[in-house]
Amino acid sequence: MNSNTPQPLRGLRAVEFTHMVMGPTCGMVLADMGAEVIKVEPVEGEGTRRLLGAGAGFFPMFNRNKKSIGIDLKQASGAALARRLAASADVVIENFKPGALKKFGLDYASLSAANDRLIYVSHKGFLPGPYEHRTALDEVVQMMGGLAYMTGRPGDPLRAGTSVNDIMGGLFGAIGALGALIQRGITGKGMEVQSALYENNVFLMGQHMLQYALTGSHPKPMPARDNPWAVYDVFTVKDGEQIFLAAVSDSQWRVFCDVLGFEDLKADPTLATNNDRVRVRPRLLATLSERLAGRDAAELAQVFERAGLPFAPIRRPEDLFDDPHLLATGGLADVELPDGDKAGQKVKTTLFPITMDGGRLGVRLQPPRLGAHAAELLEGLGYGAQEIESFRQQGVVGAEITHPPGDKA
């Protein structure tokens, strides 16, 4: 990481009581921007450390640049320790069920009574209301919030191919935290910020809700939508490869025909304007599919890039590790896996997709081993060596209790 990369939140301390994706995403954003983010885990470790399959990448993806301490909140001394840690924070982040942290004195009302400058960011399934006590998952709100309907084919609702609401819910939580920090700079007072999966999903559906309000027509799922552009589709070409090609304006259509040698289509009066082409879209796509079937995907990509036309190869996630743009621009960075059979191995991860002062926000701290920063944090809170050893023996603080070497990027 470039030592000159801005860290606008340096000096800010955030303590997160989080799990899975939504809350950890919020903490990751603050950490990437320079905040000291302390992840409080159960003494056995946060559950995503052990997930398999599609969840295997959750922990190393969303917990870089953080410190870890494992605390048993069910022990009175553990809850007291967590409250002492939270009292040292500018921001507390959580994403447990409503009321889950209240029994430990870690809810907003309890913590803000002792520190009215605290910013408390809660991530929930639903904002307060009739649904707030329901158990929510990303897939649950995609189904009930219209996203699965819009993504799948008619009659076949399909969740999006990533944890879109969890990730964006965490981003909205971070945006709220940043706004609250600015407000605190003016008034000196903190506040509670809430972000929720369902409301996040509904926000994403706003364009389709307004489409219905304005047109009176039910929005069709994306695979069956009334496409406003005639050439805007995936084509199967030589050797079964696929490529997305588009021409979304009349000038692009003319260039499209020129570079592909389709002079007859360019001259066809029934295809003169985009709306003309939309009216005969099924016939046009059949013609284009037949003509493009023998073309090479890589050659088409080169032709479209030279012509400035929209195109995209159809890639799998693993293909992105070798993406020349990401490699050239520093969009990927090494992280060291903290858990499992591959612990200690370095892999590439994606960075926060912005630049600040021309630089990417990189990896300062590796995704932490469980409790990797316990001793440092406990000492910083004023606990002595005997107290720390007592915590360890009683199981109040779990896993590593020493300063591990090599925890920095």
Protein backbone atom coordinates (compact mmCIF):
# COMPACT_ATOMS: atom_id res chain seq x y z
CA MET A 1 0.00 0.00 0.00
CA ASN A 2 1.18 3.51 -0.87
CA SER A 3 1.91 5.28 2.42
CA ASN A 4 0.68 8.54 0.86
CA THR A 5 -2.81 7.20 0.19
CA PRO A 6 -5.29 9.42 2.07
CA GLN A 7 -6.79 8.11 5.30
CA PRO A 8 -9.54 10.67 5.93
CA LEU A 9 -10.87 8.78 8.96
CA ARG A 10 -7.52 8.27 10.64
CA GLY A 11 -7.83 8.84 14.37
CA LEU A 12 -11.44 7.63 14.42
CA ARG A 13 -12.20 4.50 16.44
CA ALA A 14 -15.10 2.20 15.50
CA VAL A 15 -16.11 -0.89 17.47
CA GLU A 16 -18.23 -3.39 15.60
CA PHE A 17 -20.44 -6.14 17.00
CA THR A 18 -21.20 -7.71 13.65
CA HIS A 19 -21.43 -10.93 11.73
CA MET A 20 -22.00 -12.18 8.17
CA VAL A 21 -21.87 -9.40 5.51
CA MET A 22 -23.98 -6.31 6.18
CA GLY A 23 -22.41 -4.98 9.37
CA PRO A 24 -18.88 -6.07 8.41
CA THR A 25 -19.23 -4.17 5.11
CA CYS A 26 -19.96 -0.95 6.99
CA GLY A 27 -16.92 -1.52 9.19
CA MET A 28 -14.75 -2.34 6.19
CA VAL A 29 -15.64 0.96 4.52
CA LEU A 30 -14.65 2.94 7.60
CA ALA A 31 -11.50 0.84 8.01
CA ASP A 32 -10.48 1.26 4.37
CA MET A 33 -10.80 5.01 4.86
CA GLY A 34 -8.37 4.93 7.76
CA ALA A 35 -10.45 4.37 10.89
CA GLU A 36 -9.28 1.99 13.60
CA VAL A 37 -12.01 -0.64 13.44
CA ILE A 38 -12.18 -3.23 16.21
CA LYS A 39 -14.15 -6.37 15.47
CA VAL A 40 -15.64 -7.92 18.61
CA GLU A 41 -16.18 -11.62 17.98
CA PRO A 42 -17.51 -14.50 20.08
CA VAL A 43 -14.68 -16.36 21.77
CA GLU A 44 -15.11 -19.17 19.23
CA GLY A 45 -14.82 -16.67 16.38
CA GLU A 46 -17.32 -15.03 14.04
CA GLY A 47 -19.28 -17.65 12.12
CA THR A 48 -18.14 -16.65 8.63
CA ARG A 49 -14.63 -17.81 9.50
CA ARG A 50 -15.96 -21.36 9.08
CA LEU A 51 -18.42 -21.05 6.19
CA LEU A 52 -18.07 -23.27 3.15
CA GLY A 53 -19.26 -22.92 -0.44
CA ALA A 54 -20.57 -19.51 -1.47
CA GLY A 55 -19.77 -18.11 1.98
CA ALA A 56 -16.13 -19.18 2.03
CA GLY A 57 -14.87 -15.74 1.01
CA PHE A 58 -17.00 -13.66 3.37
CA PHE A 59 -14.55 -13.21 6.23
CA PRO A 60 -11.39 -12.31 4.28
CA MET A 61 -13.40 -10.07 1.94
CA PHE A 62 -15.21 -7.93 4.51
CA ASN A 63 -12.83 -7.87 7.47
CA ARG A 64 -9.54 -6.49 6.21
CA ASN A 65 -8.00 -3.46 7.90
CA LYS A 66 -9.62 -4.46 11.21
CA LYS A 67 -8.42 -5.58 14.61
CA SER A 68 -9.95 -8.58 16.35
CA ILE A 69 -10.78 -9.41 19.94
CA GLY A 70 -12.92 -12.35 21.04
CA ILE A 71 -15.16 -11.60 24.04
CA ASP A 72 -17.70 -13.81 25.80
CA LEU A 73 -20.55 -11.35 26.28
CA LYS A 74 -22.53 -13.90 28.29
CA GLN A 75 -20.10 -13.53 31.17
CA ALA A 76 -20.70 -10.39 33.22
CA SER A 77 -17.03 -9.46 33.08
CA GLY A 78 -17.08 -9.94 29.31
CA ALA A 79 -20.07 -7.64 28.88
CA ALA A 80 -18.39 -5.06 31.12
CA LEU A 81 -15.24 -5.30 29.02
CA ALA A 82 -17.26 -4.81 25.83
CA ARG A 83 -18.97 -1.74 27.31
CA ARG A 84 -15.59 -0.31 28.28
CA LEU A 85 -14.35 -0.88 24.75
CA ALA A 86 -17.49 0.69 23.26
CA ALA A 87 -17.03 3.71 25.54
CA SER A 88 -13.70 4.37 23.83
CA ALA A 89 -15.32 4.48 20.37
CA ASP A 90 -16.52 7.24 18.12
CA VAL A 91 -18.73 4.79 16.23
CA VAL A 92 -20.35 1.52 17.27
CA ILE A 93 -21.61 -0.79 14.50
CA GLU A 94 -23.96 -3.73 14.99
CA ASN A 95 -26.22 -5.98 12.94
CA PHE A 96 -28.00 -8.29 15.37
CA LYS A 97 -31.73 -8.78 15.87
CA PRO A 98 -33.58 -5.91 17.54
CA GLY A 99 -32.89 -5.92 21.27
CA ALA A 100 -30.14 -8.55 21.09
CA LEU A 101 -27.45 -6.25 22.51
CA LYS A 102 -29.68 -4.50 25.06
CA LYS A 103 -29.26 -7.29 27.61
CA PHE A 104 -25.52 -6.62 27.60
CA GLY A 105 -25.90 -2.85 27.95
CA LEU A 106 -24.60 -2.42 24.41
CA ASP A 107 -27.69 -0.83 22.86
CA TYR A 108 -27.77 2.79 21.74
CA ALA A 109 -29.76 4.06 24.71
CA SER A 110 -27.34 2.56 27.22
CA LEU A 111 -24.13 3.58 25.49
CA SER A 112 -25.26 7.08 24.49
CA ALA A 113 -26.32 7.82 28.06
CA ALA A 114 -22.65 7.62 28.99
CA ASN A 115 -21.34 9.20 25.78
CA ASP A 116 -23.63 11.57 23.93
CA ARG A 117 -21.03 11.96 21.15
CA LEU A 118 -21.43 8.32 20.15
CA ILE A 119 -22.59 7.45 16.65
CA TYR A 120 -24.37 4.11 16.71
CA VAL A 121 -25.00 2.37 13.39
CA SER A 122 -27.57 -0.44 13.43
CA HIS A 123 -28.05 -2.76 10.45
CA LYS A 124 -31.34 -4.65 10.48
CA GLY A 125 -33.60 -6.69 8.28
CA PHE A 126 -36.29 -4.00 8.41
CA LEU A 127 -36.50 -0.48 9.74
CA PRO A 128 -38.85 -0.07 12.74
CA GLY A 129 -42.39 -1.04 11.80
CA PRO A 130 -44.67 -4.06 11.34
CA TYR A 131 -41.91 -6.24 9.87
CA GLU A 132 -39.07 -5.32 12.22
CA HIS A 133 -39.09 -8.56 14.22
CA ARG A 134 -39.07 -10.82 11.18
CA THR A 135 -35.89 -12.71 10.42
CA ALA A 136 -34.47 -11.34 7.19
CA LEU A 137 -31.83 -12.56 4.80
CA ASP A 138 -30.65 -11.05 1.54
CA GLU A 139 -32.67 -13.65 -0.36
CA VAL A 140 -35.77 -13.04 1.76
CA VAL A 141 -35.90 -9.33 0.94
CA GLN A 142 -35.03 -9.93 -2.71
CA MET A 143 -38.12 -12.14 -2.95
CA MET A 144 -40.51 -9.82 -1.07
CA GLY A 145 -38.97 -6.60 -2.42
CA GLY A 146 -39.34 -7.25 -6.16
CA LEU A 147 -35.69 -7.82 -7.05
CA ALA A 148 -35.99 -11.59 -7.56
CA TYR A 149 -39.10 -11.00 -9.70
CA MET A 150 -37.24 -8.50 -11.87
CA THR A 151 -34.11 -10.66 -12.19
CA GLY A 152 -35.66 -14.02 -13.09
CA ARG A 153 -37.65 -15.10 -16.08
CA PRO A 154 -41.46 -14.75 -15.83
CA GLY A 155 -42.71 -17.20 -13.24
CA ASP A 156 -39.18 -18.02 -12.10
CA PRO A 157 -38.01 -15.49 -9.48
CA LEU A 158 -34.25 -15.53 -9.12
CA ARG A 159 -31.99 -13.86 -6.55
CA ALA A 160 -29.19 -11.64 -7.82
CA GLY A 161 -25.81 -13.32 -8.13
CA THR A 162 -24.16 -11.57 -5.18
CA SER A 163 -25.11 -10.39 -1.68
CA VAL A 164 -26.38 -7.16 -3.15
CA ASN A 165 -28.59 -6.01 -0.26
CA ASP A 166 -26.17 -7.05 2.45
CA ILE A 167 -23.32 -5.19 0.77
CA MET A 168 -25.31 -2.11 -0.16
CA GLY A 169 -27.00 -2.05 3.25
CA GLY A 170 -23.53 -1.86 4.79
CA LEU A 171 -22.61 0.92 2.38
CA PHE A 172 -25.72 2.90 3.32
CA GLY A 173 -24.85 2.38 6.98
CA ALA A 174 -21.39 3.79 6.32
CA ILE A 175 -22.86 6.75 4.43
CA GLY A 176 -25.11 7.44 7.41
CA ALA A 177 -22.12 7.21 9.76
CA LEU A 178 -20.17 9.73 7.67
CA GLY A 179 -23.11 12.12 7.66
CA ALA A 180 -23.49 11.74 11.42
CA LEU A 181 -19.80 12.46 11.91
CA ILE A 182 -20.16 15.72 10.00
CA GLN A 183 -23.24 16.63 12.06
CA ARG A 184 -21.35 15.80 15.27
CA GLY A 185 -18.62 18.18 14.18
CA ILE A 186 -21.25 20.93 14.09
CA THR A 187 -23.38 20.11 17.13
CA GLY A 188 -21.03 18.02 19.26
CA LYS A 189 -23.74 15.36 19.54
CA GLY A 190 -23.85 11.84 18.14
CA MET A 191 -26.90 9.99 16.90
CA GLU A 192 -28.27 6.60 15.96
CA VAL A 193 -28.17 5.59 12.28
CA GLN A 194 -30.22 2.68 10.96
CA SER A 195 -29.90 0.79 7.69
CA ALA A 196 -32.04 -2.16 6.65
CA LEU A 197 -32.03 -4.90 4.04
CA TYR A 198 -35.66 -4.53 3.01
CA GLU A 199 -35.64 -0.76 2.64
CA ASN A 200 -32.37 -1.03 0.73
CA ASN A 201 -33.98 -3.47 -1.69
CA VAL A 202 -37.06 -1.27 -2.09
CA PHE A 203 -34.79 1.69 -2.86
CA LEU A 204 -33.27 -0.36 -5.69
CA MET A 205 -36.78 -1.07 -6.98
CA GLY A 206 -37.74 2.60 -7.02
CA GLN A 207 -37.11 3.02 -10.74
CA HIS A 208 -39.51 0.16 -11.54
CA MET A 209 -42.13 1.44 -9.09
CA LEU A 210 -42.04 4.83 -10.78
CA GLN A 211 -42.13 3.16 -14.19
CA TYR A 212 -45.46 1.63 -13.20
CA ALA A 213 -46.72 4.88 -11.69
CA LEU A 214 -45.94 6.77 -14.88
CA THR A 215 -46.97 4.19 -17.49
CA GLY A 216 -49.64 2.12 -15.76
CA SER A 217 -47.94 -1.00 -17.11
CA HIS A 218 -46.51 -3.67 -14.85
CA PRO A 219 -42.71 -3.79 -15.23
CA LYS A 220 -41.69 -7.05 -16.83
CA PRO A 221 -38.80 -9.12 -15.47
CA MET A 222 -35.49 -8.23 -17.08
CA PRO A 223 -35.33 -11.30 -19.37
CA ALA A 224 -38.75 -10.37 -20.78
CA ARG A 225 -38.62 -6.60 -20.48
CA ASP A 226 -39.70 -4.19 -23.16
CA ASN A 227 -36.20 -3.22 -24.16
CA PRO A 228 -35.85 0.43 -25.16
CA TRP A 229 -32.89 -0.48 -27.40
CA ALA A 230 -33.01 -2.91 -30.30
CA VAL A 231 -29.39 -4.09 -30.17
CA TYR A 232 -28.67 -4.75 -26.51
CA ASP A 233 -28.15 -8.44 -26.01
CA VAL A 234 -25.89 -11.46 -25.53
CA PHE A 235 -24.93 -13.25 -28.73
CA THR A 236 -23.59 -16.78 -29.04
CA VAL A 237 -20.71 -16.76 -31.51
CA LYS A 238 -17.96 -19.09 -32.75
CA ASP A 239 -17.16 -22.16 -30.62
CA GLY A 240 -20.13 -21.43 -28.37
CA GLU A 241 -18.55 -18.34 -26.81
CA GLN A 242 -20.81 -15.49 -25.79
CA ILE A 243 -20.43 -11.75 -25.95
CA PHE A 244 -22.70 -8.81 -25.11
CA LEU A 245 -23.03 -6.27 -27.92
CA ALA A 246 -25.01 -3.04 -28.02
CA ALA A 247 -25.89 -0.09 -30.20
CA VAL A 248 -28.07 2.31 -28.22
CA SER A 249 -28.30 5.27 -30.57
CA ASP A 250 -28.79 5.78 -34.28
CA SER A 251 -25.19 6.91 -34.72
CA GLN A 252 -23.97 3.77 -32.93
CA TRP A 253 -26.20 1.66 -35.16
CA ARG A 254 -24.58 3.10 -38.26
CA VAL A 255 -21.11 2.45 -36.88
CA PHE A 256 -22.24 -1.06 -35.86
CA CYS A 257 -23.28 -1.82 -39.41
CA ASP A 258 -20.11 -0.27 -40.88
CA VAL A 259 -17.63 -2.24 -38.77
CA LEU A 260 -19.47 -5.52 -39.25
CA GLY A 261 -20.08 -5.06 -42.96
CA PHE A 262 -23.86 -4.96 -42.65
CA GLU A 263 -24.46 -2.32 -45.30
CA ASP A 264 -27.81 -3.83 -46.26
CA LEU A 265 -29.11 -3.42 -42.71
CA LYS A 266 -27.82 0.14 -42.55
CA ALA A 267 -29.71 0.95 -45.76
CA ASP A 268 -32.96 -0.77 -44.69
CA PRO A 269 -35.57 1.98 -44.08
CA THR A 270 -37.43 -0.23 -41.59
CA LEU A 271 -34.31 -0.09 -39.37
CA ALA A 272 -33.56 3.61 -39.75
CA THR A 273 -34.24 4.72 -36.17
CA ASN A 274 -33.94 3.06 -32.80
CA ASN A 275 -37.70 2.95 -32.38
CA ASP A 276 -38.03 1.40 -35.85
CA ARG A 277 -35.56 -1.27 -34.83
CA VAL A 278 -37.33 -1.88 -31.50
CA ARG A 279 -40.60 -2.55 -33.35
CA VAL A 280 -38.96 -5.37 -35.31
CA ARG A 281 -36.53 -6.44 -32.60
CA PRO A 282 -37.23 -10.20 -32.69
CA ARG A 283 -36.63 -10.31 -36.45
CA LEU A 284 -33.52 -8.12 -36.21
CA LEU A 285 -31.99 -10.18 -33.38
CA ALA A 286 -32.59 -13.38 -35.33
CA THR A 287 -30.76 -11.89 -38.31
CA LEU A 288 -27.87 -10.61 -36.22
CA SER A 289 -27.56 -13.91 -34.34
CA GLU A 290 -27.30 -15.82 -37.61
CA ARG A 291 -24.69 -13.46 -39.06
CA LEU A 292 -22.58 -13.32 -35.89
CA ALA A 293 -22.62 -17.06 -35.17
CA GLY A 294 -19.37 -17.68 -37.05
CA ARG A 295 -17.50 -14.65 -35.72
CA ASP A 296 -14.79 -14.96 -33.08
CA ALA A 297 -15.58 -13.34 -29.70
CA ALA A 298 -12.07 -11.92 -29.24
CA GLU A 299 -12.09 -10.46 -32.74
CA LEU A 300 -15.51 -8.88 -32.17
CA ALA A 301 -14.24 -7.36 -28.92
CA GLN A 302 -11.30 -5.78 -30.74
CA VAL A 303 -13.55 -4.42 -33.49
CA PHE A 304 -16.01 -2.91 -31.02
CA GLU A 305 -13.28 -1.43 -28.85
CA ARG A 306 -11.65 0.30 -31.82
CA ALA A 307 -15.05 1.62 -32.91
CA GLY A 308 -16.01 2.84 -29.44
CA LEU A 309 -19.10 0.63 -29.33
CA PRO A 310 -20.42 -0.99 -26.13
CA PHE A 311 -19.40 -4.62 -25.67
CA ALA A 312 -18.55 -7.05 -22.90
CA PRO A 313 -17.10 -10.54 -22.76
CA ILE A 314 -19.10 -12.90 -20.55
CA ARG A 315 -16.81 -13.68 -17.65
CA ARG A 316 -16.85 -15.79 -14.52
CA PRO A 317 -15.69 -14.38 -11.17
CA GLU A 318 -12.36 -16.23 -11.34
CA ASP A 319 -11.58 -14.57 -14.68
CA LEU A 320 -11.33 -11.21 -12.92
CA PHE A 321 -8.09 -12.17 -11.18
CA ASP A 322 -6.37 -11.77 -14.56
CA ASP A 323 -8.27 -8.69 -15.74
CA PRO A 324 -5.65 -6.38 -17.30
CA HIS A 325 -7.47 -3.22 -16.25
CA LEU A 326 -7.75 -4.28 -12.60
CA LEU A 327 -4.12 -5.36 -12.56
CA ALA A 328 -2.90 -2.15 -14.21
CA THR A 329 -4.92 0.19 -11.98
CA GLY A 330 -4.28 -1.50 -8.64
CA GLY A 331 -7.88 -2.64 -8.26
CA LEU A 332 -6.76 -5.89 -6.64
CA ALA A 333 -4.57 -6.33 -3.58
CA ASP A 334 -3.05 -9.23 -1.69
CA VAL A 335 -4.57 -10.41 1.56
CA GLU A 336 -3.45 -13.25 3.78
CA LEU A 337 -6.11 -15.80 4.63
CA PRO A 338 -6.58 -16.00 8.42
CA ASP A 339 -8.42 -19.29 8.80
CA GLY A 340 -8.90 -22.80 7.50
CA ASP A 341 -6.66 -25.13 5.54
CA LYS A 342 -5.25 -22.24 3.53
CA ALA A 343 -4.46 -19.97 6.49
CA GLY A 344 -1.37 -17.92 5.76
CA GLN A 345 -1.74 -18.10 2.00
CA LYS A 346 -2.00 -14.88 0.03
CA VAL A 347 -4.84 -14.29 -2.42
CA LYS A 348 -6.11 -11.29 -4.36
CA THR A 349 -9.07 -9.30 -3.10
CA THR A 350 -11.05 -6.41 -4.53
CA LEU A 351 -10.51 -2.93 -3.13
CA PHE A 352 -13.10 -0.28 -2.34
CA PRO A 353 -14.03 1.07 -5.80
CA ILE A 354 -12.99 4.70 -5.43
CA THR A 355 -9.81 6.73 -5.62
CA MET A 356 -8.91 9.52 -3.21
CA ASP A 357 -6.30 12.03 -4.26
CA GLY A 358 -5.52 9.70 -7.15
CA GLY A 359 -4.86 6.60 -5.01
CA ARG A 360 -6.77 3.47 -4.10
CA LEU A 361 -7.58 2.71 -0.48
CA GLY A 362 -5.42 -0.32 0.18
CA VAL A 363 -4.83 -3.03 2.76
CA ARG A 364 -3.13 -1.80 5.94
CA LEU A 365 -4.04 -4.75 8.15
CA GLN A 366 -4.60 -8.30 7.03
CA PRO A 367 -7.95 -9.97 7.83
CA PRO A 368 -7.24 -10.72 11.49
CA ARG A 369 -6.83 -14.02 13.20
CA LEU A 370 -9.31 -14.43 16.01
CA GLY A 371 -8.25 -12.30 18.96
CA ALA A 372 -5.06 -11.21 17.22
CA HIS A 373 -5.17 -7.76 18.81
CA ALA A 374 -6.60 -8.67 22.21
CA ALA A 375 -3.51 -7.83 24.28
CA GLU A 376 -2.97 -4.51 22.50
CA LEU A 377 -6.59 -3.48 22.96
CA LEU A 378 -6.85 -4.60 26.58
CA GLU A 379 -3.66 -2.78 27.50
CA GLY A 380 -4.98 0.31 25.76
CA LEU A 381 -8.09 0.16 27.94
CA GLY A 382 -5.92 0.14 31.05
CA TYR A 383 -6.03 -3.52 31.98
CA GLY A 384 -2.90 -4.92 33.59
CA ALA A 385 -1.11 -8.16 32.83
CA GLN A 386 -2.78 -10.07 35.69
CA GLU A 387 -6.26 -8.95 34.64
CA ILE A 388 -5.57 -9.94 31.05
CA GLU A 389 -4.31 -13.37 32.13
CA SER A 390 -7.41 -13.77 34.28
CA PHE A 391 -9.62 -12.96 31.29
CA ARG A 392 -7.79 -15.62 29.30
CA GLN A 393 -8.08 -18.29 32.00
CA GLN A 394 -11.78 -17.61 32.56
CA GLY A 395 -12.52 -17.71 28.83
CA VAL A 396 -13.72 -14.10 28.84
CA VAL A 397 -11.29 -13.31 26.02
CA GLY A 398 -10.65 -15.99 23.45
CA ALA A 399 -7.97 -17.17 21.05
CA GLU A 400 -4.71 -15.24 20.66
CA ILE A 401 -3.74 -13.01 23.56
CA THR A 402 -0.32 -11.96 22.32
CA HIS A 403 0.77 -9.57 19.62
CA PRO A 404 1.13 -11.74 16.50
CA PRO A 405 3.94 -10.96 14.07
CA GLY A 406 3.22 -9.93 10.52
CA ASP A 407 -0.32 -8.62 10.95
CA LYS A 408 0.35 -5.63 8.77
CA ALA A 409 0.18 -5.61 5.02
